[in-house]
N, C-alpha and C. Protein backbone atom coordinates (compact mmCIF):
# COMPACT_ATOMS: atom_id res chain seq x y z
N UNK A 1 14.33 27.20 11.80
CA UNK A 1 13.09 26.49 11.97
C UNK A 1 13.23 25.14 11.27
N UNK A 2 13.12 24.05 12.03
CA UNK A 2 13.25 22.71 11.50
C UNK A 2 11.87 22.15 11.20
N UNK A 3 11.68 21.72 9.95
CA UNK A 3 10.38 21.16 9.56
C UNK A 3 10.51 19.67 9.36
N UNK A 4 9.38 19.00 9.46
CA UNK A 4 9.32 17.56 9.21
C UNK A 4 9.75 17.32 7.78
N UNK A 5 10.60 16.30 7.55
CA UNK A 5 11.01 16.04 6.17
C UNK A 5 9.80 15.67 5.32
N UNK A 6 9.81 16.11 4.06
CA UNK A 6 8.67 15.81 3.21
C UNK A 6 8.61 14.34 2.85
N UNK A 7 7.41 13.90 2.49
CA UNK A 7 7.25 12.54 1.99
C UNK A 7 8.06 12.44 0.70
N UNK A 8 8.66 11.30 0.43
CA UNK A 8 9.43 11.17 -0.80
C UNK A 8 8.55 11.41 -2.02
N UNK A 9 9.03 12.22 -2.95
CA UNK A 9 8.23 12.52 -4.13
C UNK A 9 8.28 11.39 -5.14
N UNK A 10 9.28 10.54 -5.05
CA UNK A 10 9.38 9.43 -5.99
C UNK A 10 8.48 8.27 -5.58
N UNK A 11 7.79 8.39 -4.49
CA UNK A 11 6.90 7.32 -4.06
C UNK A 11 7.09 6.96 -2.61
N UNK A 12 6.20 6.14 -2.13
CA UNK A 12 6.19 5.72 -0.74
C UNK A 12 6.52 4.25 -0.68
N UNK A 13 7.37 3.88 0.25
CA UNK A 13 7.74 2.48 0.41
C UNK A 13 6.76 1.81 1.37
N UNK A 14 6.09 0.79 0.89
CA UNK A 14 5.15 0.01 1.71
C UNK A 14 5.36 -1.45 1.38
N UNK A 15 5.68 -2.22 2.44
CA UNK A 15 5.92 -3.66 2.27
C UNK A 15 6.94 -3.91 1.16
N UNK A 16 7.99 -3.08 1.11
CA UNK A 16 9.06 -3.29 0.17
C UNK A 16 8.74 -2.84 -1.25
N UNK A 17 7.61 -2.18 -1.46
CA UNK A 17 7.24 -1.72 -2.79
C UNK A 17 7.14 -0.21 -2.79
N UNK A 18 7.55 0.39 -3.88
CA UNK A 18 7.41 1.84 -4.02
C UNK A 18 6.07 2.12 -4.70
N UNK A 19 5.32 3.03 -4.12
CA UNK A 19 4.02 3.41 -4.65
C UNK A 19 4.15 4.81 -5.23
N UNK A 20 3.83 4.95 -6.50
CA UNK A 20 3.90 6.26 -7.15
C UNK A 20 2.92 7.24 -6.52
N UNK A 21 3.35 8.51 -6.49
CA UNK A 21 2.50 9.55 -5.90
C UNK A 21 1.16 9.69 -6.62
N UNK A 22 1.13 9.47 -7.93
CA UNK A 22 -0.08 9.70 -8.72
C UNK A 22 -0.96 8.46 -8.86
N UNK A 23 -0.52 7.33 -8.36
CA UNK A 23 -1.23 6.08 -8.54
C UNK A 23 -2.45 6.02 -7.63
N UNK A 24 -3.58 5.58 -8.18
CA UNK A 24 -4.78 5.34 -7.39
C UNK A 24 -5.02 3.84 -7.37
N UNK A 25 -5.24 3.31 -6.16
CA UNK A 25 -5.40 1.87 -5.99
C UNK A 25 -6.75 1.58 -5.35
N UNK A 26 -7.33 0.42 -5.74
CA UNK A 26 -8.57 -0.02 -5.11
C UNK A 26 -8.25 -0.54 -3.71
N UNK A 27 -9.27 -0.62 -2.90
CA UNK A 27 -9.11 -0.96 -1.48
C UNK A 27 -8.38 -2.29 -1.27
N UNK A 28 -8.63 -3.27 -2.10
CA UNK A 28 -7.97 -4.56 -1.94
C UNK A 28 -6.46 -4.45 -2.12
N UNK A 29 -6.05 -3.70 -3.12
CA UNK A 29 -4.61 -3.51 -3.37
C UNK A 29 -3.97 -2.73 -2.23
N UNK A 30 -4.68 -1.72 -1.73
CA UNK A 30 -4.15 -0.93 -0.62
C UNK A 30 -4.03 -1.80 0.64
N UNK A 31 -5.06 -2.56 0.92
CA UNK A 31 -5.04 -3.43 2.11
C UNK A 31 -3.87 -4.40 2.03
N UNK A 32 -3.66 -4.98 0.87
CA UNK A 32 -2.55 -5.91 0.71
C UNK A 32 -1.22 -5.19 0.84
N UNK A 33 -1.12 -4.02 0.26
CA UNK A 33 0.13 -3.25 0.28
C UNK A 33 0.55 -2.89 1.69
N UNK A 34 -0.41 -2.48 2.53
CA UNK A 34 -0.09 -2.05 3.89
C UNK A 34 -0.28 -3.16 4.92
N UNK A 35 -0.66 -4.34 4.44
CA UNK A 35 -0.82 -5.53 5.27
C UNK A 35 -1.89 -5.34 6.34
N UNK A 36 -3.06 -4.87 5.90
CA UNK A 36 -4.24 -4.74 6.75
C UNK A 36 -5.39 -5.43 6.04
N UNK A 37 -6.39 -5.82 6.79
CA UNK A 37 -7.56 -6.43 6.17
C UNK A 37 -8.43 -5.35 5.53
N UNK A 38 -9.27 -5.78 4.59
CA UNK A 38 -10.23 -4.85 3.99
C UNK A 38 -11.13 -4.24 5.06
N UNK A 39 -11.53 -5.09 5.99
CA UNK A 39 -12.41 -4.64 7.08
C UNK A 39 -11.73 -3.54 7.90
N UNK A 40 -10.43 -3.70 8.16
CA UNK A 40 -9.71 -2.70 8.95
C UNK A 40 -9.60 -1.38 8.19
N UNK A 41 -9.30 -1.45 6.90
CA UNK A 41 -9.23 -0.22 6.10
C UNK A 41 -10.59 0.47 6.10
N UNK A 42 -11.65 -0.29 5.92
CA UNK A 42 -13.00 0.29 5.95
C UNK A 42 -13.31 0.90 7.33
N UNK A 43 -12.87 0.21 8.38
CA UNK A 43 -13.08 0.72 9.74
C UNK A 43 -12.40 2.08 9.92
N UNK A 44 -11.18 2.19 9.44
CA UNK A 44 -10.47 3.47 9.56
C UNK A 44 -11.13 4.55 8.70
N UNK A 45 -11.71 4.12 7.59
CA UNK A 45 -12.46 5.08 6.77
C UNK A 45 -13.73 5.52 7.50
N UNK A 46 -14.47 4.57 8.06
CA UNK A 46 -15.68 4.90 8.81
C UNK A 46 -15.37 5.81 10.01
N UNK A 47 -14.20 5.63 10.61
CA UNK A 47 -13.79 6.45 11.75
C UNK A 47 -13.28 7.82 11.32
N UNK A 48 -13.17 8.05 10.01
CA UNK A 48 -12.73 9.35 9.51
C UNK A 48 -11.23 9.55 9.47
N UNK A 49 -10.47 8.46 9.64
CA UNK A 49 -9.01 8.58 9.63
C UNK A 49 -8.44 8.60 8.21
N UNK A 50 -9.10 7.93 7.30
CA UNK A 50 -8.71 7.94 5.90
C UNK A 50 -9.97 8.12 5.06
N UNK A 51 -9.78 8.56 3.85
CA UNK A 51 -10.91 8.68 2.94
C UNK A 51 -10.41 8.39 1.52
N UNK A 52 -11.29 7.82 0.70
CA UNK A 52 -10.87 7.56 -0.67
C UNK A 52 -10.61 8.87 -1.40
N UNK A 53 -9.62 8.85 -2.29
CA UNK A 53 -9.31 10.04 -3.08
C UNK A 53 -10.33 10.20 -4.21
N UNK A 54 -10.90 9.07 -4.62
CA UNK A 54 -11.87 9.08 -5.72
C UNK A 54 -12.65 7.77 -5.68
N UNK A 55 -13.58 7.66 -6.60
CA UNK A 55 -14.33 6.42 -6.77
C UNK A 55 -14.40 6.13 -8.27
N UNK A 56 -14.44 4.84 -8.57
CA UNK A 56 -14.60 4.44 -9.96
C UNK A 56 -16.04 4.70 -10.38
N UNK A 57 -16.30 4.56 -11.68
CA UNK A 57 -17.67 4.73 -12.18
C UNK A 57 -18.61 3.73 -11.51
N UNK A 58 -18.07 2.58 -11.13
CA UNK A 58 -18.86 1.57 -10.46
C UNK A 58 -18.97 1.77 -8.96
N UNK A 59 -18.37 2.83 -8.43
CA UNK A 59 -18.47 3.15 -7.01
C UNK A 59 -17.38 2.56 -6.13
N UNK A 60 -16.39 1.90 -6.74
CA UNK A 60 -15.31 1.34 -5.94
C UNK A 60 -14.38 2.44 -5.44
N UNK A 61 -13.95 2.29 -4.19
CA UNK A 61 -13.06 3.27 -3.58
C UNK A 61 -11.69 3.22 -4.26
N UNK A 62 -11.09 4.40 -4.45
CA UNK A 62 -9.73 4.50 -4.95
C UNK A 62 -8.92 5.33 -3.94
N UNK A 63 -7.77 4.82 -3.58
CA UNK A 63 -6.94 5.45 -2.56
C UNK A 63 -5.62 5.90 -3.19
N UNK A 64 -5.10 6.98 -2.64
CA UNK A 64 -3.86 7.56 -3.18
C UNK A 64 -2.69 7.38 -2.22
N UNK A 65 -1.58 7.96 -2.60
CA UNK A 65 -0.32 7.91 -1.84
C UNK A 65 -0.52 8.41 -0.41
N UNK A 66 -1.26 9.51 -0.24
CA UNK A 66 -1.47 10.07 1.10
C UNK A 66 -2.25 9.12 2.00
N UNK A 67 -3.22 8.42 1.43
CA UNK A 67 -4.00 7.46 2.20
C UNK A 67 -3.12 6.32 2.67
N UNK A 68 -2.26 5.85 1.78
CA UNK A 68 -1.35 4.76 2.15
C UNK A 68 -0.42 5.23 3.27
N UNK A 69 0.09 6.44 3.17
CA UNK A 69 0.96 6.99 4.21
C UNK A 69 0.21 7.08 5.54
N UNK A 70 -1.06 7.49 5.52
CA UNK A 70 -1.86 7.57 6.74
C UNK A 70 -2.07 6.19 7.34
N UNK A 71 -2.38 5.22 6.50
CA UNK A 71 -2.59 3.86 7.00
C UNK A 71 -1.32 3.30 7.64
N UNK A 72 -0.18 3.60 7.05
CA UNK A 72 1.08 3.14 7.64
C UNK A 72 1.33 3.83 8.98
N UNK A 73 0.99 5.12 9.09
CA UNK A 73 1.13 5.84 10.36
C UNK A 73 0.20 5.24 11.41
N UNK A 74 -1.04 4.97 11.02
CA UNK A 74 -2.02 4.37 11.93
C UNK A 74 -1.51 3.01 12.40
N UNK A 75 -0.94 2.25 11.47
CA UNK A 75 -0.41 0.93 11.83
C UNK A 75 0.71 1.03 12.85
N UNK A 76 1.48 2.11 12.81
CA UNK A 76 2.54 2.31 13.79
C UNK A 76 1.98 2.73 15.14
N UNK A 77 0.89 3.46 15.14
CA UNK A 77 0.30 3.96 16.38
C UNK A 77 -0.51 2.87 17.10
N UNK A 78 -1.12 1.98 16.33
CA UNK A 78 -2.03 0.98 16.90
C UNK A 78 -1.39 0.13 17.99
N UNK A 79 -0.19 -0.46 17.78
CA UNK A 79 0.36 -1.32 18.83
C UNK A 79 0.76 -0.54 20.09
N UNK A 80 0.84 0.78 19.98
CA UNK A 80 1.18 1.59 21.15
C UNK A 80 -0.07 1.98 21.95
N UNK A 81 -1.22 1.56 21.47
CA UNK A 81 -2.45 1.79 22.22
C UNK A 81 -3.07 3.16 22.04
N UNK A 82 -2.69 3.89 21.00
CA UNK A 82 -3.32 5.17 20.75
C UNK A 82 -4.77 4.94 20.32
N UNK A 83 -5.66 5.79 20.79
CA UNK A 83 -7.07 5.67 20.44
C UNK A 83 -7.31 6.22 19.04
N UNK A 84 -8.47 5.93 18.48
CA UNK A 84 -8.82 6.48 17.17
C UNK A 84 -8.83 8.01 17.22
N UNK A 85 -9.32 8.57 18.31
CA UNK A 85 -9.36 10.04 18.43
C UNK A 85 -7.94 10.61 18.49
N UNK A 86 -7.05 9.95 19.20
CA UNK A 86 -5.66 10.41 19.25
C UNK A 86 -5.01 10.30 17.87
N UNK A 87 -5.30 9.22 17.16
CA UNK A 87 -4.78 9.06 15.80
C UNK A 87 -5.29 10.19 14.91
N UNK A 88 -6.59 10.49 15.01
CA UNK A 88 -7.17 11.57 14.22
C UNK A 88 -6.49 12.90 14.53
N UNK A 89 -6.29 13.16 15.81
CA UNK A 89 -5.67 14.43 16.21
C UNK A 89 -4.25 14.55 15.65
N UNK A 90 -3.47 13.48 15.72
CA UNK A 90 -2.11 13.53 15.19
C UNK A 90 -2.13 13.70 13.67
N UNK A 91 -2.99 12.98 12.99
CA UNK A 91 -3.07 13.10 11.54
C UNK A 91 -3.46 14.53 11.14
N UNK A 92 -4.47 15.08 11.80
CA UNK A 92 -4.89 16.46 11.51
C UNK A 92 -3.77 17.45 11.81
N UNK A 93 -3.06 17.22 12.89
CA UNK A 93 -1.94 18.11 13.26
C UNK A 93 -0.86 18.07 12.19
N UNK A 94 -0.49 16.88 11.77
CA UNK A 94 0.55 16.74 10.73
C UNK A 94 0.08 17.36 9.42
N UNK A 95 -1.19 17.19 9.09
CA UNK A 95 -1.73 17.79 7.87
C UNK A 95 -1.63 19.32 7.94
N UNK A 96 -2.00 19.88 9.08
CA UNK A 96 -1.96 21.34 9.23
C UNK A 96 -0.53 21.85 9.19
N UNK A 97 0.41 21.07 9.71
CA UNK A 97 1.82 21.49 9.66
C UNK A 97 2.36 21.55 8.24
N UNK A 98 1.73 20.84 7.33
CA UNK A 98 2.16 20.85 5.93
C UNK A 98 1.75 22.13 5.20
N UNK A 99 0.90 22.94 5.81
CA UNK A 99 0.41 24.17 5.19
C UNK A 99 1.51 25.24 5.25
N UNK A 100 2.06 25.64 4.09
CA UNK A 100 3.15 26.62 4.10
C UNK A 100 2.70 28.01 4.55
N UNK A 101 1.40 28.30 4.50
CA UNK A 101 0.92 29.62 4.90
C UNK A 101 0.53 29.68 6.38
N UNK A 102 0.85 28.63 7.12
CA UNK A 102 0.47 28.56 8.53
C UNK A 102 1.14 29.67 9.34
N UNK A 103 0.36 30.28 10.22
CA UNK A 103 0.86 31.31 11.12
C UNK A 103 1.97 30.72 12.00
N UNK A 104 3.08 31.44 12.20
CA UNK A 104 4.20 30.90 13.00
C UNK A 104 3.81 30.48 14.42
N UNK A 105 2.92 31.23 15.06
CA UNK A 105 2.49 30.85 16.42
C UNK A 105 1.70 29.55 16.40
N UNK A 106 0.84 29.41 15.40
CA UNK A 106 0.07 28.17 15.30
C UNK A 106 1.00 27.00 14.97
N UNK A 107 2.00 27.25 14.11
CA UNK A 107 2.97 26.21 13.79
C UNK A 107 3.70 25.75 15.05
N UNK A 108 4.08 26.69 15.90
CA UNK A 108 4.74 26.34 17.16
C UNK A 108 3.82 25.50 18.05
N UNK A 109 2.54 25.90 18.13
CA UNK A 109 1.58 25.14 18.93
C UNK A 109 1.41 23.72 18.40
N UNK A 110 1.35 23.59 17.10
CA UNK A 110 1.19 22.27 16.50
C UNK A 110 2.44 21.42 16.73
N UNK A 111 3.59 22.04 16.66
CA UNK A 111 4.83 21.30 16.92
C UNK A 111 4.87 20.83 18.37
N UNK A 112 4.39 21.66 19.29
CA UNK A 112 4.31 21.24 20.69
C UNK A 112 3.39 20.04 20.84
N UNK A 113 2.29 20.04 20.09
CA UNK A 113 1.37 18.90 20.14
C UNK A 113 2.06 17.63 19.63
N UNK A 114 2.82 17.75 18.55
CA UNK A 114 3.55 16.59 18.02
C UNK A 114 4.60 16.14 19.04
N UNK A 115 5.22 17.08 19.72
CA UNK A 115 6.20 16.72 20.75
C UNK A 115 5.54 15.93 21.88
N UNK A 116 4.31 16.29 22.23
CA UNK A 116 3.57 15.53 23.25
C UNK A 116 3.29 14.11 22.77
N UNK A 117 2.92 13.99 21.50
CA UNK A 117 2.70 12.65 20.94
C UNK A 117 4.00 11.85 20.96
N UNK A 118 5.09 12.52 20.63
CA UNK A 118 6.39 11.85 20.63
C UNK A 118 6.74 11.35 22.02
N UNK A 119 6.53 12.18 23.02
CA UNK A 119 6.82 11.78 24.40
C UNK A 119 5.90 10.63 24.82
N UNK A 120 4.63 10.70 24.44
CA UNK A 120 3.69 9.62 24.79
C UNK A 120 4.09 8.32 24.11
N UNK A 121 4.50 8.41 22.85
CA UNK A 121 4.93 7.20 22.13
C UNK A 121 6.17 6.60 22.79
N UNK A 122 7.11 7.45 23.17
CA UNK A 122 8.32 6.95 23.84
C UNK A 122 7.98 6.27 25.16
N UNK A 123 7.05 6.83 25.90
CA UNK A 123 6.63 6.24 27.17
C UNK A 123 5.94 4.89 26.95
N UNK A 124 5.11 4.83 25.93
CA UNK A 124 4.42 3.58 25.61
C UNK A 124 5.41 2.50 25.18
N UNK A 125 6.42 2.89 24.41
CA UNK A 125 7.46 1.95 23.99
C UNK A 125 8.21 1.43 25.22
N UNK A 126 8.52 2.33 26.16
CA UNK A 126 9.20 1.92 27.38
C UNK A 126 8.37 0.89 28.14
N UNK A 127 7.08 1.13 28.24
CA UNK A 127 6.20 0.19 28.91
C UNK A 127 6.15 -1.16 28.20
N UNK A 128 6.12 -1.13 26.89
CA UNK A 128 6.13 -2.39 26.12
C UNK A 128 7.44 -3.14 26.31
N UNK A 129 8.54 -2.41 26.41
CA UNK A 129 9.83 -3.07 26.65
C UNK A 129 9.84 -3.76 28.01
N UNK A 130 9.24 -3.12 29.00
CA UNK A 130 9.15 -3.73 30.33
C UNK A 130 8.29 -4.99 30.27
N UNK A 131 7.17 -4.93 29.57
CA UNK A 131 6.32 -6.10 29.42
C UNK A 131 7.05 -7.22 28.70
N UNK A 132 7.80 -6.87 27.66
CA UNK A 132 8.56 -7.86 26.91
C UNK A 132 9.62 -8.51 27.80
N UNK A 133 10.30 -7.71 28.60
CA UNK A 133 11.32 -8.27 29.51
C UNK A 133 10.67 -9.25 30.49
N UNK A 134 9.51 -8.91 31.01
CA UNK A 134 8.79 -9.81 31.92
C UNK A 134 8.39 -11.09 31.20
N UNK A 135 7.88 -10.96 29.99
CA UNK A 135 7.47 -12.14 29.22
C UNK A 135 8.67 -13.02 28.88
N UNK A 136 9.79 -12.39 28.53
CA UNK A 136 11.00 -13.17 28.21
C UNK A 136 11.51 -13.91 29.44
N UNK A 137 11.46 -13.26 30.60
CA UNK A 137 11.88 -13.92 31.84
C UNK A 137 11.00 -15.12 32.13
N UNK A 138 9.69 -14.96 31.94
CA UNK A 138 8.76 -16.06 32.15
C UNK A 138 9.05 -17.21 31.19
N UNK A 139 9.25 -16.90 29.92
CA UNK A 139 9.55 -17.94 28.93
C UNK A 139 10.84 -18.65 29.28
N UNK A 140 11.82 -17.92 29.77
CA UNK A 140 13.09 -18.52 30.17
C UNK A 140 12.90 -19.45 31.37
N UNK A 141 12.08 -19.03 32.33
CA UNK A 141 11.78 -19.87 33.49
C UNK A 141 11.12 -21.16 33.05
N UNK A 142 10.17 -21.07 32.14
CA UNK A 142 9.52 -22.27 31.63
C UNK A 142 10.50 -23.17 30.89
N UNK A 143 11.40 -22.57 30.13
CA UNK A 143 12.41 -23.36 29.42
C UNK A 143 13.30 -24.09 30.42
N UNK A 144 13.67 -23.41 31.50
CA UNK A 144 14.46 -24.06 32.55
C UNK A 144 13.70 -25.23 33.15
N UNK A 145 12.38 -25.04 33.37
CA UNK A 145 11.55 -26.11 33.90
C UNK A 145 11.53 -27.31 32.96
N UNK A 146 11.46 -27.07 31.69
CA UNK A 146 11.43 -28.15 30.68
C UNK A 146 12.75 -28.93 30.74
N UNK A 147 13.86 -28.23 30.87
CA UNK A 147 15.18 -28.89 30.90
C UNK A 147 15.36 -29.72 32.15
N UNK A 148 14.70 -29.35 33.26
CA UNK A 148 14.82 -30.08 34.50
C UNK A 148 13.95 -31.34 34.52
N UNK A 149 12.97 -31.39 33.69
CA UNK A 149 12.03 -32.52 33.70
C UNK A 149 12.68 -33.74 33.07
């Protein structure tokens, strides 16, 4: 039985920085770390994709290693056109797969769901490559036009 490799225990790499597993960061630091706007992080929180691990006495949101990992996953899914609901489903599926007491049949079902996401992501990447090839051909045609002028 092959399982998803665990998140590194020594920390998570985000924008070239290692984030300690036990570190709690305010929303501004998290947004900067994962290269998203504060508004976008709040939007993902409002959509239920991430949630603060704690709050300061003054009510400021504090985010942990898992939240940063989720935001990085969301950032990877966004350019492929996955919806918020699809993102939520994949995040919930991955979370459930982390449960060591999970029933083997349910684990198999969840793995099949991840395989469907993998296939969908591969198909979306293929489509983006086709679009990129078309855009590059167009840019090349324009460059040829510039050289002829």
